[in-house]
C-alpha cells in the first residue's frame, strides 16, 4: 500500500482493497475504468448488543440463537442472484443507511 502526504488519503490500486471501521469517513475518485468498483461491508456484532439508532438494521445470525431480538433477522438465501436476494439486499441496505444517517444526529454519552 502506498501513502500520499497532504489530503490525498491512501490510494488503493486496482486489484487491492482497503479495510476500515464502518464509520470511518472515506471516499474515492470517480471510477473512470471499464470494470466495476465493488464494496463489501461486514460487521460482526454480538446479539446482546442493543443498537442505539432507529430504524434498527437487519442482521444475519452467523451462529447460535438470537435471544434478544434487537435486529431484524435476515434469512439465509439459497440463491444469491435471485430476485428475492436482490430485494432482501435493498431492504437491508436501506435500513443500514437510515440508521447511519440517524447516528450522525445522536449526541455522544457524557
PDB file of N, CA and C in Angstrom:
ATOM      1  N   UNK A   1       0.848  -1.174   0.000  1.00  0.00           N
ATOM      2  CA  UNK A   1       0.000   0.000   0.000  1.00  0.00           C
ATOM      3  C   UNK A   1       0.888   1.230   0.000  1.00  0.00           C
ATOM      4  N   UNK A   2       0.489   2.234  -0.713  1.00  0.00           N
ATOM      5  CA  UNK A   2       1.225   3.481  -0.813  1.00  0.00           C
ATOM      6  C   UNK A   2       0.459   4.571  -0.087  1.00  0.00           C
ATOM      7  N   UNK A   3       1.169   5.494   0.530  1.00  0.00           N
ATOM      8  CA  UNK A   3       0.502   6.618   1.211  1.00  0.00           C
ATOM      9  C   UNK A   3       0.983   7.922   0.614  1.00  0.00           C
ATOM     10  N   UNK A   4       0.080   8.847   0.482  1.00  0.00           N
ATOM     11  CA  UNK A   4       0.399  10.184  -0.004  1.00  0.00           C
ATOM     12  C   UNK A   4       0.394  11.142   1.166  1.00  0.00           C
ATOM     13  N   UNK A   5       1.139  12.204   1.054  1.00  0.00           N
ATOM     14  CA  UNK A   5       1.069  13.264   2.049  1.00  0.00           C
ATOM     15  C   UNK A   5      -0.110  14.172   1.749  1.00  0.00           C
ATOM     16  N   UNK A   6      -0.376  15.105   2.626  1.00  0.00           N
ATOM     17  CA  UNK A   6      -1.456  16.072   2.403  1.00  0.00           C
ATOM     18  C   UNK A   6      -2.813  15.435   2.545  1.00  0.00           C
ATOM     19  N   UNK A   7      -3.790  15.940   1.833  1.00  0.00           N
ATOM     20  CA  UNK A   7      -5.159  15.474   1.952  1.00  0.00           C
ATOM     21  C   UNK A   7      -5.542  14.430   0.922  1.00  0.00           C
ATOM     22  N   UNK A   8      -4.570  13.795   0.287  1.00  0.00           N
ATOM     23  CA  UNK A   8      -4.869  12.831  -0.762  1.00  0.00           C
ATOM     24  C   UNK A   8      -5.395  11.504  -0.252  1.00  0.00           C
ATOM     25  N   UNK A   9      -5.202  11.198   1.026  1.00  0.00           N
ATOM     26  CA  UNK A   9      -5.648   9.921   1.562  1.00  0.00           C
ATOM     27  C   UNK A   9      -4.714   8.801   1.165  1.00  0.00           C
ATOM     28  N   UNK A  10      -5.241   7.600   1.146  1.00  0.00           N
ATOM     29  CA  UNK A  10      -4.449   6.419   0.822  1.00  0.00           C
ATOM     30  C   UNK A  10      -5.007   5.808  -0.457  1.00  0.00           C
ATOM     31  N   UNK A  11      -4.251   5.853  -1.547  1.00  0.00           N
ATOM     32  CA  UNK A  11      -4.759   5.264  -2.791  1.00  0.00           C
ATOM     33  C   UNK A  11      -4.784   3.741  -2.702  1.00  0.00           C
ATOM     34  N   UNK A  12      -5.773   3.148  -3.320  1.00  0.00           N
ATOM     35  CA  UNK A  12      -5.889   1.695  -3.360  1.00  0.00           C
ATOM     36  C   UNK A  12      -5.813   1.281  -4.823  1.00  0.00           C
ATOM     37  N   UNK A  13      -4.678   0.700  -5.230  1.00  0.00           N
ATOM     38  CA  UNK A  13      -4.510   0.316  -6.638  1.00  0.00           C
ATOM     39  C   UNK A  13      -5.517  -0.752  -7.057  1.00  0.00           C
ATOM     40  N   UNK A  14      -5.753  -0.838  -8.355  1.00  0.00           N
ATOM     41  CA  UNK A  14      -6.656  -1.851  -8.896  1.00  0.00           C
ATOM     42  C   UNK A  14      -6.232  -3.230  -8.424  1.00  0.00           C
ATOM     43  N   UNK A  15      -7.196  -4.034  -8.060  1.00  0.00           N
ATOM     44  CA  UNK A  15      -6.916  -5.391  -7.591  1.00  0.00           C
ATOM     45  C   UNK A  15      -6.633  -5.463  -6.098  1.00  0.00           C
ATOM     46  N   UNK A  16      -6.609  -4.323  -5.423  1.00  0.00           N
ATOM     47  CA  UNK A  16      -6.342  -4.291  -3.986  1.00  0.00           C
ATOM     48  C   UNK A  16      -7.611  -3.902  -3.237  1.00  0.00           C
ATOM     49  N   UNK A  17      -7.517  -3.855  -1.918  1.00  0.00           N
ATOM     50  CA  UNK A  17      -8.677  -3.499  -1.109  1.00  0.00           C
ATOM     51  C   UNK A  17      -8.244  -2.712   0.106  1.00  0.00           C
ATOM     52  N   UNK A  18      -9.197  -2.040   0.728  1.00  0.00           N
ATOM     53  CA  UNK A  18      -8.934  -1.352   1.989  1.00  0.00           C
ATOM     54  C   UNK A  18      -9.876  -1.901   3.046  1.00  0.00           C
ATOM     55  N   UNK A  19      -9.404  -1.964   4.270  1.00  0.00           N
ATOM     56  CA  UNK A  19     -10.222  -2.364   5.405  1.00  0.00           C
ATOM     57  C   UNK A  19     -10.254  -1.195   6.373  1.00  0.00           C
ATOM     58  N   UNK A  20     -11.440  -0.833   6.825  1.00  0.00           N
ATOM     59  CA  UNK A  20     -11.546   0.254   7.776  1.00  0.00           C
ATOM     60  C   UNK A  20     -12.845   0.121   8.564  1.00  0.00           C
ATOM     61  N   UNK A  21     -12.924   0.836   9.675  1.00  0.00           N
ATOM     62  CA  UNK A  21     -14.119   0.826  10.506  1.00  0.00           C
ATOM     63  C   UNK A  21     -15.299   1.353   9.694  1.00  0.00           C
ATOM     64  N   UNK A  22     -16.475   0.814   9.957  1.00  0.00           N
ATOM     65  CA  UNK A  22     -17.688   1.185   9.230  1.00  0.00           C
ATOM     66  C   UNK A  22     -17.934   2.686   9.216  1.00  0.00           C
ATOM     67  N   UNK A  23     -17.644   3.366  10.318  1.00  0.00           N
ATOM     68  CA  UNK A  23     -17.948   4.794  10.404  1.00  0.00           C
ATOM     69  C   UNK A  23     -16.763   5.696  10.068  1.00  0.00           C
ATOM     70  N   UNK A  24     -15.697   5.132   9.520  1.00  0.00           N
ATOM     71  CA  UNK A  24     -14.570   5.944   9.086  1.00  0.00           C
ATOM     72  C   UNK A  24     -14.977   6.713   7.827  1.00  0.00           C
ATOM     73  N   UNK A  25     -14.875   8.042   7.864  1.00  0.00           N
ATOM     74  CA  UNK A  25     -15.188   8.791   6.637  1.00  0.00           C
ATOM     75  C   UNK A  25     -14.224   8.384   5.519  1.00  0.00           C
ATOM     76  N   UNK A  26     -14.749   8.114   4.359  1.00  0.00           N
ATOM     77  CA  UNK A  26     -13.905   7.729   3.238  1.00  0.00           C
ATOM     78  C   UNK A  26     -14.646   8.046   1.936  1.00  0.00           C
ATOM     79  N   UNK A  27     -13.876   8.160   0.888  1.00  0.00           N
ATOM     80  CA  UNK A  27     -14.463   8.393  -0.430  1.00  0.00           C
ATOM     81  C   UNK A  27     -13.442   7.988  -1.475  1.00  0.00           C
ATOM     82  N   UNK A  28     -13.853   7.997  -2.684  1.00  0.00           N
ATOM     83  CA  UNK A  28     -12.923   7.672  -3.762  1.00  0.00           C
ATOM     84  C   UNK A  28     -13.279   8.512  -4.981  1.00  0.00           C
ATOM     85  N   UNK A  29     -12.284   8.674  -5.816  1.00  0.00           N
ATOM     86  CA  UNK A  29     -12.481   9.426  -7.059  1.00  0.00           C
ATOM     87  C   UNK A  29     -13.416   8.628  -7.970  1.00  0.00           C
ATOM     88  N   UNK A  30     -13.987   9.280  -8.965  1.00  0.00           N
ATOM     89  CA  UNK A  30     -14.871   8.565  -9.894  1.00  0.00           C
ATOM     90  C   UNK A  30     -14.161   7.375 -10.534  1.00  0.00           C
ATOM     91  N   UNK A  31     -14.891   6.318 -10.760  1.00  0.00           N
ATOM     92  CA  UNK A  31     -14.366   5.138 -11.428  1.00  0.00           C
ATOM     93  C   UNK A  31     -14.428   5.394 -12.930  1.00  0.00           C
ATOM     94  N   UNK A  32     -13.297   5.703 -13.536  1.00  0.00           N
ATOM     95  CA  UNK A  32     -13.253   6.004 -14.970  1.00  0.00           C
ATOM     96  C   UNK A  32     -12.913   4.779 -15.807  1.00  0.00           C
ATOM     97  N   UNK A  33     -12.661   3.656 -15.143  1.00  0.00           N
ATOM     98  CA  UNK A  33     -12.328   2.433 -15.866  1.00  0.00           C
ATOM     99  C   UNK A  33     -13.570   1.723 -16.362  1.00  0.00           C
ATOM    100  N   UNK A  34     -13.366   0.619 -17.026  1.00  0.00           N
ATOM    101  CA  UNK A  34     -14.487  -0.152 -17.564  1.00  0.00           C
ATOM    102  C   UNK A  34     -14.985  -1.192 -16.564  1.00  0.00           C
ATOM    103  N   UNK A  35     -14.185  -1.510 -15.550  1.00  0.00           N
ATOM    104  CA  UNK A  35     -14.584  -2.510 -14.558  1.00  0.00           C
ATOM    105  C   UNK A  35     -15.404  -1.901 -13.433  1.00  0.00           C
ATOM    106  N   UNK A  36     -16.143  -2.751 -12.734  1.00  0.00           N
ATOM    107  CA  UNK A  36     -16.952  -2.288 -11.606  1.00  0.00           C
ATOM    108  C   UNK A  36     -16.072  -2.065 -10.379  1.00  0.00           C
ATOM    109  N   UNK A  37     -16.492  -1.154  -9.536  1.00  0.00           N
ATOM    110  CA  UNK A  37     -15.890  -0.974  -8.218  1.00  0.00           C
ATOM    111  C   UNK A  37     -16.858  -1.632  -7.247  1.00  0.00           C
ATOM    112  N   UNK A  38     -16.363  -2.551  -6.445  1.00  0.00           N
ATOM    113  CA  UNK A  38     -17.219  -3.331  -5.568  1.00  0.00           C
ATOM    114  C   UNK A  38     -16.911  -3.001  -4.112  1.00  0.00           C
ATOM    115  N   UNK A  39     -17.942  -2.814  -3.326  1.00  0.00           N
ATOM    116  CA  UNK A  39     -17.783  -2.583  -1.896  1.00  0.00           C
ATOM    117  C   UNK A  39     -18.465  -3.687  -1.109  1.00  0.00           C
ATOM    118  N   UNK A  40     -17.831  -4.141  -0.057  1.00  0.00           N
ATOM    119  CA  UNK A  40     -18.392  -5.171   0.807  1.00  0.00           C
ATOM    120  C   UNK A  40     -18.309  -4.662   2.235  1.00  0.00           C
ATOM    121  N   UNK A  41     -19.414  -4.678   2.934  1.00  0.00           N
ATOM    122  CA  UNK A  41     -19.423  -4.256   4.325  1.00  0.00           C
ATOM    123  C   UNK A  41     -19.798  -5.411   5.227  1.00  0.00           C
ATOM    124  N   UNK A  42     -18.951  -5.689   6.206  1.00  0.00           N
ATOM    125  CA  UNK A  42     -19.208  -6.770   7.156  1.00  0.00           C
ATOM    126  C   UNK A  42     -18.997  -6.228   8.555  1.00  0.00           C
ATOM    127  N   UNK A  43     -19.977  -6.418   9.410  1.00  0.00           N
ATOM    128  CA  UNK A  43     -19.853  -6.045  10.820  1.00  0.00           C
ATOM    129  C   UNK A  43     -20.273  -7.239  11.653  1.00  0.00           C
ATOM    130  N   UNK A  44     -19.388  -7.679  12.540  1.00  0.00           N
ATOM    131  CA  UNK A  44     -19.726  -8.758  13.459  1.00  0.00           C
ATOM    132  C   UNK A  44     -20.145  -8.119  14.772  1.00  0.00           C
ATOM    133  N   UNK A  45     -21.405  -8.341  15.158  1.00  0.00           N
ATOM    134  CA  UNK A  45     -21.963  -7.721  16.351  1.00  0.00           C
ATOM    135  C   UNK A  45     -22.599  -8.820  17.198  1.00  0.00           C
ATOM    136  N   UNK A  46     -22.214  -8.935  18.475  1.00  0.00           N
ATOM    137  CA  UNK A  46     -22.883  -9.929  19.330  1.00  0.00           C
ATOM    138  C   UNK A  46     -24.377  -9.628  19.438  1.00  0.00           C
ATOM    139  N   UNK A  47     -25.196 -10.658  19.492  1.00  0.00           N
ATOM    140  CA  UNK A  47     -26.649 -10.482  19.523  1.00  0.00           C
ATOM    141  C   UNK A  47     -27.113  -9.693  20.743  1.00  0.00           C
ATOM    142  N   UNK A  48     -26.333  -9.682  21.826  1.00  0.00           N
ATOM    143  CA  UNK A  48     -26.754  -8.970  23.031  1.00  0.00           C
ATOM    144  C   UNK A  48     -26.504  -7.455  22.964  1.00  0.00           C
ATOM    145  N   UNK A  49     -25.819  -6.996  21.927  1.00  0.00           N
ATOM    146  CA  UNK A  49     -25.531  -5.562  21.792  1.00  0.00           C
ATOM    147  C   UNK A  49     -26.752  -4.865  21.203  1.00  0.00           C
ATOM    148  N   UNK A  50     -27.309  -3.950  21.977  1.00  0.00           N
ATOM    149  CA  UNK A  50     -28.529  -3.251  21.563  1.00  0.00           C
ATOM    150  C   UNK A  50     -28.166  -2.024  20.720  1.00  0.00           C
ATOM    151  N   UNK A  51     -28.767  -1.895  19.524  1.00  0.00           N
ATOM    152  CA  UNK A  51     -28.474  -0.725  18.684  1.00  0.00           C
ATOM    153  C   UNK A  51     -29.012   0.547  19.322  1.00  0.00           C
ATOM    154  N   UNK A  52     -28.327   1.663  19.081  1.00  0.00           N
ATOM    155  CA  UNK A  52     -28.726   2.949  19.637  1.00  0.00           C
ATOM    156  C   UNK A  52     -29.524   3.797  18.665  1.00  0.00           C
ATOM    157  N   UNK A  53     -29.598   3.381  17.414  1.00  0.00           N
ATOM    158  CA  UNK A  53     -30.247   4.199  16.391  1.00  0.00           C
ATOM    159  C   UNK A  53     -31.540   3.559  15.894  1.00  0.00           C
ATOM    160  N   UNK A  54     -32.379   4.388  15.318  1.00  0.00           N
ATOM    161  CA  UNK A  54     -33.608   3.943  14.667  1.00  0.00           C
ATOM    162  C   UNK A  54     -33.533   4.420  13.224  1.00  0.00           C
ATOM    163  N   UNK A  55     -33.979   3.711  12.251  1.00  0.00           N
ATOM    164  CA  UNK A  55     -34.513   2.366  12.400  1.00  0.00           C
ATOM    165  C   UNK A  55     -33.401   1.365  12.665  1.00  0.00           C
ATOM    166  N   UNK A  56     -33.744   0.261  13.251  1.00  0.00           N
ATOM    167  CA  UNK A  56     -32.783  -0.789  13.573  1.00  0.00           C
ATOM    168  C   UNK A  56     -32.389  -1.512  12.290  1.00  0.00           C
ATOM    169  N   UNK A  57     -31.109  -1.821  12.157  1.00  0.00           N
ATOM    170  CA  UNK A  57     -30.606  -2.544  10.980  1.00  0.00           C
ATOM    171  C   UNK A  57     -31.049  -4.001  10.999  1.00  0.00           C
ATOM    172  N   UNK A  58     -30.867  -4.638   9.878  1.00  0.00           N
ATOM    173  CA  UNK A  58     -31.085  -6.082   9.810  1.00  0.00           C
ATOM    174  C   UNK A  58     -29.749  -6.776  10.029  1.00  0.00           C
ATOM    175  N   UNK A  59     -29.814  -8.055  10.371  1.00  0.00           N
ATOM    176  CA  UNK A  59     -28.593  -8.822  10.609  1.00  0.00           C
ATOM    177  C   UNK A  59     -28.840 -10.284  10.267  1.00  0.00           C
ATOM    178  N   UNK A  60     -27.797 -10.923   9.785  1.00  0.00           N
ATOM    179  CA  UNK A  60     -27.839 -12.364   9.525  1.00  0.00           C
ATOM    180  C   UNK A  60     -27.122 -13.039  10.676  1.00  0.00           C
ATOM    181  N   UNK A  61     -27.790 -13.920  11.367  1.00  0.00           N
ATOM    182  CA  UNK A  61     -27.201 -14.614  12.500  1.00  0.00           C
ATOM    183  C   UNK A  61     -26.117 -15.557  11.993  1.00  0.00           C
ATOM    184  N   UNK A  62     -24.875 -15.345  12.431  1.00  0.00           N
ATOM    185  CA  UNK A  62     -23.749 -16.156  11.968  1.00  0.00           C
ATOM    186  C   UNK A  62     -23.733 -17.529  12.636  1.00  0.00           C
ATOM    187  N   UNK A  63     -24.107 -17.573  13.902  1.00  0.00           N
ATOM    188  CA  UNK A  63     -24.180 -18.849  14.615  1.00  0.00           C
ATOM    189  C   UNK A  63     -25.017 -18.664  15.875  1.00  0.00           C
ATOM    190  N   UNK A  64     -25.398 -19.770  16.480  1.00  0.00           N
ATOM    191  CA  UNK A  64     -26.141 -19.711  17.731  1.00  0.00           C
ATOM    192  C   UNK A  64     -27.583 -19.295  17.542  1.00  0.00           C
ATOM    193  N   UNK A  65     -28.141 -18.706  18.605  1.00  0.00           N
ATOM    194  CA  UNK A  65     -29.542 -18.303  18.619  1.00  0.00           C
ATOM    195  C   UNK A  65     -29.644 -16.865  19.088  1.00  0.00           C
ATOM    196  N   UNK A  66     -30.549 -16.113  18.523  1.00  0.00           N
ATOM    197  CA  UNK A  66     -30.772 -14.731  18.952  1.00  0.00           C
ATOM    198  C   UNK A  66     -31.829 -14.738  20.049  1.00  0.00           C
ATOM    199  N   UNK A  67     -31.408 -14.483  21.288  1.00  0.00           N
ATOM    200  CA  UNK A  67     -32.337 -14.462  22.420  1.00  0.00           C
ATOM    201  C   UNK A  67     -32.792 -13.049  22.754  1.00  0.00           C
ATOM    202  N   UNK A  68     -32.355 -12.055  21.978  1.00  0.00           N
ATOM    203  CA  UNK A  68     -32.615 -10.663  22.322  1.00  0.00           C
ATOM    204  C   UNK A  68     -33.584  -9.964  21.374  1.00  0.00           C
ATOM    205  N   UNK A  69     -33.524 -10.279  20.097  1.00  0.00           N
ATOM    206  CA  UNK A  69     -34.447  -9.700  19.128  1.00  0.00           C
ATOM    207  C   UNK A  69     -34.240  -8.221  18.844  1.00  0.00           C
ATOM    208  N   UNK A  70     -33.003  -7.743  18.953  1.00  0.00           N
ATOM    209  CA  UNK A  70     -32.732  -6.319  18.730  1.00  0.00           C
ATOM    210  C   UNK A  70     -32.674  -5.946  17.249  1.00  0.00           C
ATOM    211  N   UNK A  71     -32.415  -6.913  16.376  1.00  0.00           N
ATOM    212  CA  UNK A  71     -32.238  -6.630  14.950  1.00  0.00           C
ATOM    213  C   UNK A  71     -33.325  -7.344  14.137  1.00  0.00           C
ATOM    214  N   UNK A  72     -33.581  -6.829  12.944  1.00  0.00           N
ATOM    215  CA  UNK A  72     -34.458  -7.525  12.004  1.00  0.00           C
ATOM    216  C   UNK A  72     -33.633  -8.687  11.454  1.00  0.00           C
ATOM    217  N   UNK A  73     -34.055  -9.908  11.719  1.00  0.00           N
ATOM    218  CA  UNK A  73     -33.263 -11.058  11.281  1.00  0.00           C
ATOM    219  C   UNK A  73     -33.418 -11.291   9.786  1.00  0.00           C
ATOM    220  N   UNK A  74     -32.276 -11.447   9.120  1.00  0.00           N
ATOM    221  CA  UNK A  74     -32.261 -11.770   7.691  1.00  0.00           C
ATOM    222  C   UNK A  74     -32.330 -13.284   7.537  1.00  0.00           C
ATOM    223  N   UNK A  75     -32.865 -13.704   6.423  1.00  0.00           N
ATOM    224  CA  UNK A  75     -32.928 -15.120   6.100  1.00  0.00           C
ATOM    225  C   UNK A  75     -31.729 -15.493   5.246  1.00  0.00           C
ATOM    226  N   UNK A  76     -31.109 -16.624   5.535  1.00  0.00           N
ATOM    227  CA  UNK A  76     -30.015 -17.097   4.689  1.00  0.00           C
ATOM    228  C   UNK A  76     -30.619 -17.518   3.354  1.00  0.00           C
ATOM    229  N   UNK A  77     -30.165 -16.914   2.274  1.00  0.00           N
ATOM    230  CA  UNK A  77     -30.750 -17.147   0.956  1.00  0.00           C
ATOM    231  C   UNK A  77     -30.137 -18.365   0.278  1.00  0.00           C
ATOM    232  N   UNK A  78     -30.952 -19.066  -0.471  1.00  0.00           N
ATOM    233  CA  UNK A  78     -30.489 -20.276  -1.157  1.00  0.00           C
ATOM    234  C   UNK A  78     -29.841 -19.952  -2.498  1.00  0.00           C
ATOM    235  N   UNK A  79     -30.290 -18.847  -3.145  1.00  0.00           N
ATOM    236  CA  UNK A  79     -29.780 -18.477  -4.458  1.00  0.00           C
ATOM    237  C   UNK A  79     -29.364 -17.014  -4.423  1.00  0.00           C
ATOM    238  N   UNK A  80     -28.062 -16.759  -4.454  1.00  0.00           N
ATOM    239  CA  UNK A  80     -27.534 -15.404  -4.282  1.00  0.00           C
ATOM    240  C   UNK A  80     -28.012 -14.424  -5.351  1.00  0.00           C
ATOM    241  N   UNK A  81     -28.235 -14.866  -6.570  1.00  0.00           N
ATOM    242  CA  UNK A  81     -28.595 -13.944  -7.652  1.00  0.00           C
ATOM    243  C   UNK A  81     -30.099 -13.902  -7.904  1.00  0.00           C
ATOM    244  N   UNK A  82     -30.896 -14.403  -6.978  1.00  0.00           N
ATOM    245  CA  UNK A  82     -32.339 -14.445  -7.186  1.00  0.00           C
ATOM    246  C   UNK A  82     -32.967 -13.067  -6.981  1.00  0.00           C
ATOM    247  N   UNK A  83     -34.190 -12.917  -7.441  1.00  0.00           N
ATOM    248  CA  UNK A  83     -34.941 -11.679  -7.230  1.00  0.00           C
ATOM    249  C   UNK A  83     -35.170 -11.466  -5.733  1.00  0.00           C
ATOM    250  N   UNK A  84     -35.421 -12.541  -4.995  1.00  0.00           N
ATOM    251  CA  UNK A  84     -35.606 -12.450  -3.542  1.00  0.00           C
ATOM    252  C   UNK A  84     -34.333 -11.935  -2.869  1.00  0.00           C
ATOM    253  N   UNK A  85     -33.172 -12.388  -3.348  1.00  0.00           N
ATOM    254  CA  UNK A  85     -31.901 -11.927  -2.785  1.00  0.00           C
ATOM    255  C   UNK A  85     -31.708 -10.444  -3.054  1.00  0.00           C
ATOM    256  N   UNK A  86     -32.024  -9.981  -4.252  1.00  0.00           N
ATOM    257  CA  UNK A  86     -31.890  -8.561  -4.577  1.00  0.00           C
ATOM    258  C   UNK A  86     -32.809  -7.707  -3.701  1.00  0.00           C
ATOM    259  N   UNK A  87     -34.041  -8.145  -3.511  1.00  0.00           N
ATOM    260  CA  UNK A  87     -34.984  -7.400  -2.672  1.00  0.00           C
ATOM    261  C   UNK A  87     -34.524  -7.376  -1.217  1.00  0.00           C
ATOM    262  N   UNK A  88     -34.003  -8.497  -0.734  1.00  0.00           N
ATOM    263  CA  UNK A  88     -33.501  -8.557   0.642  1.00  0.00           C
ATOM    264  C   UNK A  88     -32.318  -7.619   0.821  1.00  0.00           C
ATOM    265  N   UNK A  89     -31.443  -7.556  -0.176  1.00  0.00           N
ATOM    266  CA  UNK A  89     -30.289  -6.658  -0.106  1.00  0.00           C
ATOM    267  C   UNK A  89     -30.734  -5.196  -0.074  1.00  0.00           C
ATOM    268  N   UNK A  90     -31.665  -4.838  -0.918  1.00  0.00           N
ATOM    269  CA  UNK A  90     -32.163  -3.453  -0.956  1.00  0.00           C
ATOM    270  C   UNK A  90     -32.765  -3.076   0.390  1.00  0.00           C
ATOM    271  N   UNK A  91     -33.559  -3.960   0.975  1.00  0.00           N
ATOM    272  CA  UNK A  91     -34.170  -3.684   2.273  1.00  0.00           C
ATOM    273  C   UNK A  91     -33.103  -3.503   3.354  1.00  0.00           C
ATOM    274  N   UNK A  92     -32.129  -4.411   3.398  1.00  0.00           N
ATOM    275  CA  UNK A  92     -31.066  -4.335   4.403  1.00  0.00           C
ATOM    276  C   UNK A  92     -30.244  -3.060   4.225  1.00  0.00           C
ATOM    277  N   UNK A  93     -29.936  -2.697   2.991  1.00  0.00           N
ATOM    278  CA  UNK A  93     -29.142  -1.503   2.722  1.00  0.00           C
ATOM    279  C   UNK A  93     -29.894  -0.238   3.143  1.00  0.00           C
ATOM    280  N   UNK A  94     -31.181  -0.179   2.857  1.00  0.00           N
ATOM    281  CA  UNK A  94     -31.974   0.997   3.249  1.00  0.00           C
ATOM    282  C   UNK A  94     -32.033   1.145   4.769  1.00  0.00           C
ATOM    283  N   UNK A  95     -32.202   0.038   5.488  1.00  0.00           N
ATOM    284  CA  UNK A  95     -32.204   0.092   6.952  1.00  0.00           C
ATOM    285  C   UNK A  95     -30.849   0.563   7.473  1.00  0.00           C
ATOM    286  N   UNK A  96     -29.776   0.024   6.904  1.00  0.00           N
ATOM    287  CA  UNK A  96     -28.428   0.414   7.325  1.00  0.00           C
ATOM    288  C   UNK A  96     -28.191   1.905   7.098  1.00  0.00           C
ATOM    289  N   UNK A  97     -28.498   2.389   5.907  1.00  0.00           N
ATOM    290  CA  UNK A  97     -28.250   3.795   5.590  1.00  0.00           C
ATOM    291  C   UNK A  97     -29.109   4.724   6.450  1.00  0.00           C
ATOM    292  N   UNK A  98     -30.356   4.363   6.691  1.00  0.00           N
ATOM    293  CA  UNK A  98     -31.221   5.189   7.540  1.00  0.00           C
ATOM    294  C   UNK A  98     -30.644   5.268   8.945  1.00  0.00           C
ATOM    295  N   UNK A  99     -30.163   4.158   9.479  1.00  0.00           N
ATOM    296  CA  UNK A  99     -29.548   4.153  10.806  1.00  0.00           C
ATOM    297  C   UNK A  99     -28.259   4.939  10.843  1.00  0.00           C
ATOM    298  N   UNK A 100     -27.472   4.859   9.783  1.00  0.00           N
ATOM    299  CA  UNK A 100     -26.203   5.586   9.715  1.00  0.00           C
ATOM    300  C   UNK A 100     -26.440   7.084   9.752  1.00  0.00           C
ATOM    301  N   UNK A 101     -27.412   7.558   8.987  1.00  0.00           N
ATOM    302  CA  UNK A 101     -27.699   8.990   8.980  1.00  0.00           C
ATOM    303  C   UNK A 101     -28.293   9.447  10.306  1.00  0.00           C
ATOM    304  N   UNK A 102     -29.104   8.603  10.939  1.00  0.00           N
ATOM    305  CA  UNK A 102     -29.664   8.952  12.243  1.00  0.00           C
ATOM    306  C   UNK A 102     -28.571   8.989  13.299  1.00  0.00           C
ATOM    307  N   UNK A 103     -27.582   8.101  13.200  1.00  0.00           N
ATOM    308  CA  UNK A 103     -26.491   8.064  14.178  1.00  0.00           C
ATOM    309  C   UNK A 103     -25.708   9.369  14.174  1.00  0.00           C
ATOM    310  N   UNK A 104     -25.654  10.039  13.052  1.00  0.00           N
ATOM    311  CA  UNK A 104     -24.919  11.300  12.959  1.00  0.00           C
ATOM    312  C   UNK A 104     -25.581  12.391  13.770  1.00  0.00           C
ATOM    313  N   UNK A 105     -26.835  12.197  14.157  1.00  0.00           N
ATOM    314  CA  UNK A 105     -27.549  13.232  14.931  1.00  0.00           C
ATOM    315  C   UNK A 105     -27.573  12.946  16.432  1.00  0.00           C
ATOM    316  N   UNK A 106     -27.039  11.785  16.850  1.00  0.00           N
ATOM    317  CA  UNK A 106     -27.042  11.428  18.266  1.00  0.00           C
ATOM    318  C   UNK A 106     -25.859  12.070  18.979  1.00  0.00           C
ATOM    319  N   UNK A 107     -26.108  12.684  20.113  1.00  0.00           N
ATOM    320  CA  UNK A 107     -25.039  13.300  20.906  1.00  0.00           C
ATOM    321  C   UNK A 107     -24.285  12.192  21.649  1.00  0.00           C
ATOM    322  N   UNK A 108     -22.954  12.275  21.743  1.00  0.00           N
ATOM    323  CA  UNK A 108     -22.192  11.253  22.473  1.00  0.00           C
ATOM    324  C   UNK A 108     -22.575  11.257  23.949  1.00  0.00           C
ATOM    325  N   UNK A 109     -22.496  10.078  24.580  1.00  0.00           N
ATOM    326  CA  UNK A 109     -22.786   9.950  26.019  1.00  0.00           C
ATOM    327  C   UNK A 109     -21.708  10.680  26.798  1.00  0.00           C
ATOM    328  N   UNK A 110     -22.087  11.321  27.859  1.00  0.00           N
ATOM    329  CA  UNK A 110     -21.120  12.064  28.703  1.00  0.00           C
ATOM    330  C   UNK A 110     -20.503  11.169  29.739  1.00  0.00           C
TER     331      UNK A 110
END
